[in-house]
Amino acid sequence: MNTLLDEIVTLTRNATTEPTFTEVPGVVIVKGEVPEHQLAAVYVPMVGFTVQGRKTITIGARSIDLRGPSYYVIPTDVPATGRVHTGSPYLSVGLALKESALMDLMNDLPDWEHDVPRAGVFAAAPATPEFVDAWVRLLRLMKTPQDIPALAPVYEREILYRVLSGPQGWRLRQVCEMHGRVRGASVSRAIRWLRTNYAEAMSVETMAERCAMGVTTFHRQFKRVTGLSPLQFQKQLRLLEARKRLVHSSLPVSRVAFDVGYESPSQFNREYSRFFGAPPARSRLER
């Protein structure tokens, strides 16, 4: 398998610490000493493959140590923070999840019985030779872009199949459940609403009513999918947006606090410092 991993390193040699999008639809590459502010973001539904190096991702109270070669699955938009560890070169590739491709694959597979782990929202799974081999063939298409339309869907399907048959398969099935069941679809709509309206006042009771659920059921379903309560999800969206504005603008901290939905700059300072481990003013130094 080391030969396959070495080939991925070669194929991705032009990637940078910024997300490098490729001609292969849905494939993104990141390598090098990625700054922490870049890894504090809303992660989109994806299969992430840590090829080499080590990264820690934190979602809610759960932190996952990702050592290459390993992969993870994020089934829905979710706020997270991350840190790339020094000591060995870091390289990761990601494949955006397409609902249509996943549903087509699921329709061709038997109804596998699977146990959903009680602990944690997501976890790292060791990359198998078959999983890595499918990734190599997908990434090779960067050298023959004329083959992408015909072959990329085939290799993407194989990667999804390898994940479905592995320990993180239940996470991919969760994507299908979110769109195929009434409750899952309602939670998905609630997540989209929060992504757009994170600065607005939010009542869990009102949101549960919109989703045609009781408050307890809505809270449980939302946390099952995201690993966060609705209020935690909104708060972290606000803090991530605030960090982005602090890094990329010269707006006063108090203005940023109000813009992302806080009514009190002092509360914003406390929650920002608790979440990121440093006061808002320090983010100015990350530019």
Protein backbone atom coordinates (compact mmCIF):
# COMPACT_ATOMS: atom_id res chain seq x y z
CA MET A 1 0.00 0.00 0.00
CA ASN A 2 2.97 2.33 0.52
CA THR A 3 3.52 2.46 -3.24
CA LEU A 4 -0.06 3.65 -3.73
CA LEU A 5 0.32 6.30 -1.03
CA ASP A 6 3.55 7.51 -2.60
CA GLU A 7 1.76 7.87 -5.93
CA ILE A 8 -0.93 10.03 -4.30
CA VAL A 9 1.81 12.26 -2.89
CA THR A 10 3.27 12.61 -6.39
CA LEU A 11 -0.10 13.26 -8.01
CA THR A 12 -0.87 16.03 -5.50
CA ARG A 13 2.54 17.71 -5.48
CA ASN A 14 1.14 21.03 -6.75
CA ALA A 15 -1.41 21.39 -3.94
CA THR A 16 -1.03 24.06 -1.24
CA THR A 17 -2.25 24.84 2.25
CA GLU A 18 -5.29 26.48 0.67
CA PRO A 19 -8.01 24.06 -0.52
CA THR A 20 -6.88 23.08 -4.02
CA PHE A 21 -9.83 22.22 -6.23
CA THR A 22 -9.19 19.88 -9.14
CA GLU A 23 -10.77 19.17 -12.50
CA VAL A 24 -12.24 16.04 -10.95
CA PRO A 25 -15.66 17.15 -9.63
CA GLY A 26 -15.89 17.21 -5.84
CA VAL A 27 -12.22 16.47 -5.19
CA VAL A 28 -10.18 18.91 -3.09
CA ILE A 29 -6.60 18.64 -1.82
CA VAL A 30 -4.85 20.30 1.13
CA LYS A 31 -1.20 19.87 2.08
CA GLY A 32 1.46 21.47 4.21
CA GLU A 33 1.34 23.43 7.46
CA VAL A 34 -2.28 24.58 7.31
CA PRO A 35 -3.00 27.55 9.64
CA GLU A 36 -5.54 26.88 12.37
CA HIS A 37 -7.86 29.72 11.34
CA GLN A 38 -8.31 28.01 7.97
CA LEU A 39 -9.33 24.75 9.65
CA ALA A 40 -11.93 26.53 11.79
CA ALA A 41 -14.84 26.34 9.37
CA VAL A 42 -18.13 24.77 8.48
CA TYR A 43 -17.23 21.38 7.06
CA VAL A 44 -19.44 20.24 4.19
CA PRO A 45 -20.64 16.64 3.65
CA MET A 46 -17.59 14.70 2.55
CA VAL A 47 -15.31 11.70 2.78
CA GLY A 48 -11.98 13.03 4.05
CA PHE A 49 -8.82 10.99 3.52
CA THR A 50 -5.72 11.85 5.56
CA VAL A 51 -2.99 10.46 3.31
CA GLN A 52 -0.05 11.35 5.53
CA GLY A 53 0.69 13.44 8.58
CA ARG A 54 -1.68 14.07 11.44
CA LYS A 55 -4.65 16.34 12.04
CA THR A 56 -7.10 16.77 14.91
CA ILE A 57 -10.70 17.77 14.19
CA THR A 58 -13.04 18.87 16.98
CA ILE A 59 -16.82 18.86 16.63
CA GLY A 60 -18.66 19.81 19.78
CA ALA A 61 -17.00 18.05 22.69
CA ARG A 62 -15.56 15.30 20.50
CA SER A 63 -12.01 15.46 19.12
CA ILE A 64 -10.75 12.93 16.60
CA ASP A 65 -7.08 12.21 15.95
CA LEU A 66 -6.56 11.57 12.24
CA ARG A 67 -3.26 9.90 11.41
CA GLY A 68 -2.51 8.98 7.85
CA PRO A 69 -3.54 6.81 6.20
CA SER A 70 -7.08 7.03 7.58
CA TYR A 71 -10.43 8.50 6.57
CA TYR A 72 -13.56 9.97 8.11
CA VAL A 73 -17.10 10.84 7.03
CA ILE A 74 -19.01 14.05 7.66
CA PRO A 75 -22.65 13.55 6.61
CA THR A 76 -23.90 17.12 6.89
CA ASP A 77 -22.74 20.73 7.23
CA VAL A 78 -21.21 21.04 10.67
CA PRO A 79 -19.01 23.66 12.39
CA ALA A 80 -15.63 22.34 13.44
CA THR A 81 -12.12 23.37 14.36
CA GLY A 82 -8.91 21.61 13.44
CA ARG A 83 -5.17 21.55 13.90
CA VAL A 84 -2.44 20.07 11.74
CA HIS A 85 0.37 18.65 13.85
CA THR A 86 3.99 19.29 13.02
CA GLY A 87 6.53 16.52 12.73
CA SER A 88 5.62 14.91 9.41
CA PRO A 89 4.35 16.29 6.08
CA TYR A 90 0.57 16.66 6.01
CA LEU A 91 -1.59 15.74 3.02
CA SER A 92 -5.33 15.16 2.79
CA VAL A 93 -7.81 14.75 -0.02
CA GLY A 94 -11.55 15.11 0.19
CA LEU A 95 -14.51 13.91 -1.86
CA ALA A 96 -17.71 15.93 -1.59
CA LEU A 97 -20.74 13.73 -0.99
CA LYS A 98 -23.33 13.83 -3.74
CA GLU A 99 -26.73 12.64 -2.60
CA SER A 100 -27.65 11.34 -6.07
CA ALA A 101 -24.50 9.20 -6.37
CA LEU A 102 -24.93 7.81 -2.88
CA MET A 103 -28.62 7.03 -3.35
CA ASP A 104 -27.95 5.27 -6.66
CA LEU A 105 -25.34 3.10 -4.98
CA MET A 106 -27.56 2.33 -2.01
CA ASN A 107 -30.36 1.21 -4.34
CA ASP A 108 -28.01 -1.42 -5.81
CA LEU A 109 -26.90 -2.82 -2.46
CA PRO A 110 -28.56 -5.16 0.02
CA ASP A 111 -29.92 -3.79 3.28
CA TRP A 112 -26.83 -4.44 5.37
CA GLU A 113 -27.39 -4.67 9.09
CA HIS A 114 -25.13 -2.28 10.93
CA ASP A 115 -24.58 -1.15 14.47
CA VAL A 116 -24.41 2.57 15.14
CA PRO A 117 -21.73 3.40 17.72
CA ARG A 118 -23.07 5.13 20.79
CA ALA A 119 -19.99 7.23 21.42
CA GLY A 120 -18.95 10.08 19.22
CA VAL A 121 -20.28 11.76 16.14
CA PHE A 122 -17.59 10.52 13.82
CA ALA A 123 -14.32 8.65 14.03
CA ALA A 124 -11.24 7.81 12.03
CA ALA A 125 -11.19 4.54 10.11
CA PRO A 126 -8.03 2.90 8.77
CA ALA A 127 -7.62 3.19 5.02
CA THR A 128 -7.61 -0.22 3.35
CA PRO A 129 -5.57 -1.05 0.24
CA GLU A 130 -8.80 -1.22 -1.79
CA PHE A 131 -9.88 2.22 -0.57
CA VAL A 132 -6.47 3.74 -1.38
CA ASP A 133 -6.36 2.06 -4.79
CA ALA A 134 -9.72 3.61 -5.76
CA TRP A 135 -8.40 7.03 -4.72
CA VAL A 136 -5.26 6.59 -6.82
CA ARG A 137 -7.32 5.81 -9.91
CA LEU A 138 -9.56 8.81 -9.25
CA LEU A 139 -6.61 11.17 -8.82
CA ARG A 140 -4.83 9.83 -11.90
CA LEU A 141 -7.64 11.39 -13.92
CA MET A 142 -6.04 14.77 -13.26
CA LYS A 143 -3.45 13.72 -15.88
CA THR A 144 -6.10 12.67 -18.42
CA PRO A 145 -8.97 15.16 -18.00
CA GLN A 146 -10.66 13.84 -21.13
CA ASP A 147 -11.42 10.65 -19.16
CA ILE A 148 -13.06 12.43 -16.23
CA PRO A 149 -16.69 12.42 -17.45
CA ALA A 150 -16.64 8.67 -18.12
CA LEU A 151 -14.47 7.35 -15.30
CA ALA A 152 -14.74 9.74 -12.33
CA PRO A 153 -18.28 8.57 -11.41
CA VAL A 154 -17.04 4.95 -11.49
CA TYR A 155 -14.14 5.56 -9.11
CA GLU A 156 -16.25 7.81 -6.88
CA ARG A 157 -18.81 5.02 -6.63
CA GLU A 158 -16.09 2.56 -5.61
CA ILE A 159 -14.80 4.90 -2.89
CA LEU A 160 -18.33 5.23 -1.51
CA TYR A 161 -18.76 1.46 -1.65
CA ARG A 162 -15.52 0.91 0.28
CA VAL A 163 -16.69 3.34 2.94
CA LEU A 164 -20.17 1.80 3.10
CA SER A 165 -18.67 -1.63 3.71
CA GLY A 166 -16.34 -0.33 6.42
CA PRO A 167 -16.70 0.88 10.01
CA GLN A 168 -17.90 4.36 8.95
CA GLY A 169 -20.57 3.04 6.59
CA TRP A 170 -23.32 3.98 9.03
CA ARG A 171 -22.34 7.62 8.57
CA LEU A 172 -23.01 7.43 4.83
CA ARG A 173 -26.32 5.72 5.49
CA GLN A 174 -27.15 8.64 7.74
CA VAL A 175 -26.96 10.92 4.68
CA CYS A 176 -29.62 8.81 2.98
CA GLU A 177 -31.76 8.79 6.11
CA MET A 178 -31.59 12.57 6.34
CA HIS A 179 -33.07 12.96 2.88
CA GLY A 180 -35.28 9.88 2.81
CA ARG A 181 -37.14 10.19 6.09
CA VAL A 182 -39.43 12.97 7.19
CA ARG A 183 -37.52 13.68 10.40
CA GLY A 184 -34.16 13.56 8.69
CA ALA A 185 -35.31 15.91 5.95
CA SER A 186 -36.66 18.30 8.58
CA VAL A 187 -33.33 18.36 10.42
CA SER A 188 -31.58 18.99 7.11
CA ARG A 189 -33.85 21.99 6.46
CA ALA A 190 -33.16 23.28 9.98
CA ILE A 191 -29.41 23.07 9.36
CA ARG A 192 -29.75 25.00 6.10
CA TRP A 193 -31.82 27.66 7.85
CA LEU A 194 -29.21 28.07 10.58
CA ARG A 195 -26.41 28.32 8.03
CA THR A 196 -28.16 31.30 6.44
CA ASN A 197 -29.69 32.91 9.53
CA TYR A 198 -27.06 32.27 12.21
CA ALA A 199 -27.16 35.92 13.37
CA GLU A 200 -30.91 35.87 14.06
CA ALA A 201 -32.49 35.04 17.40
CA MET A 202 -33.47 31.38 17.40
CA SER A 203 -36.03 29.53 19.50
CA VAL A 204 -35.64 25.77 19.66
CA GLU A 205 -39.36 25.50 20.32
CA THR A 206 -40.21 27.45 17.17
CA MET A 207 -37.76 25.47 15.07
CA ALA A 208 -39.10 22.16 16.38
CA GLU A 209 -42.62 23.31 15.52
CA ARG A 210 -41.52 24.19 11.97
CA CYS A 211 -40.06 20.71 11.66
CA ALA A 212 -43.31 19.15 12.94
CA MET A 213 -41.54 17.57 15.92
CA GLY A 214 -41.70 17.82 19.65
CA VAL A 215 -38.86 19.77 21.22
CA THR A 216 -37.25 16.68 22.78
CA THR A 217 -37.43 14.69 19.54
CA PHE A 218 -36.08 17.57 17.46
CA HIS A 219 -33.22 18.16 19.89
CA ARG A 220 -32.31 14.45 19.88
CA GLN A 221 -32.49 14.11 16.09
CA PHE A 222 -30.47 17.28 15.52
CA LYS A 223 -27.72 16.20 17.91
CA ARG A 224 -27.65 12.69 16.44
CA VAL A 225 -26.85 14.14 13.02
CA THR A 226 -24.52 17.00 13.95
CA GLY A 227 -23.13 16.09 17.37
CA LEU A 228 -24.31 19.47 18.64
CA SER A 229 -27.49 20.87 20.09
CA PRO A 230 -29.26 23.47 17.91
CA LEU A 231 -28.07 26.28 20.19
CA GLN A 232 -24.48 24.99 20.19
CA PHE A 233 -24.62 24.70 16.41
CA GLN A 234 -25.77 28.30 16.04
CA LYS A 235 -23.21 29.61 18.54
CA GLN A 236 -20.35 27.89 16.79
CA LEU A 237 -21.52 29.19 13.41
CA ARG A 238 -21.43 32.70 14.88
CA LEU A 239 -17.96 32.24 16.35
CA LEU A 240 -16.54 30.77 13.14
CA GLU A 241 -17.95 33.62 11.10
CA ALA A 242 -16.57 36.10 13.62
CA ARG A 243 -13.11 34.58 13.37
CA LYS A 244 -13.20 34.80 9.59
CA ARG A 245 -14.16 38.47 9.76
CA LEU A 246 -11.50 39.24 12.34
CA VAL A 247 -8.80 37.57 10.25
CA HIS A 248 -9.83 39.09 6.93
CA SER A 249 -11.05 42.56 7.91
CA SER A 250 -10.15 45.49 10.14
CA LEU A 251 -13.58 45.84 11.74
CA PRO A 252 -13.60 46.53 15.49
CA VAL A 253 -14.20 43.50 17.67
CA SER A 254 -17.44 44.99 19.01
CA ARG A 255 -18.76 45.51 15.47
CA VAL A 256 -17.97 41.93 14.56
CA ALA A 257 -19.75 40.73 17.70
CA PHE A 258 -22.94 42.60 16.81
CA ASP A 259 -22.77 41.57 13.15
CA VAL A 260 -22.75 37.86 13.96
CA GLY A 261 -25.66 38.13 16.39
CA TYR A 262 -24.25 38.88 19.82
CA GLU A 263 -25.96 41.55 21.90
CA SER A 264 -23.07 41.87 24.35
CA PRO A 265 -19.42 42.30 23.32
CA SER A 266 -18.32 41.05 26.73
CA GLN A 267 -20.27 37.80 26.26
CA PHE A 268 -18.78 37.49 22.78
CA ASN A 269 -15.27 37.91 24.18
CA ARG A 270 -15.86 35.24 26.82
CA GLU A 271 -17.34 32.70 24.42
CA TYR A 272 -14.77 33.40 21.70
CA SER A 273 -11.89 32.97 24.15
CA ARG A 274 -13.38 29.77 25.54
CA PHE A 275 -13.96 28.29 22.07
CA PHE A 276 -10.69 29.26 20.39
CA GLY A 277 -8.44 29.41 23.44
CA ALA A 278 -7.45 33.04 22.81
CA PRO A 279 -9.23 36.43 22.81
CA PRO A 280 -10.67 37.88 19.57
CA ALA A 281 -7.92 40.49 19.27
CA ARG A 282 -5.32 37.76 18.83
CA SER A 283 -6.98 36.62 15.61
CA ARG A 284 -5.69 39.79 13.99
CA LEU A 285 -2.20 38.29 14.20
CA GLU A 286 -3.25 35.29 12.07
CA ARG A 287 -3.55 37.31 8.88
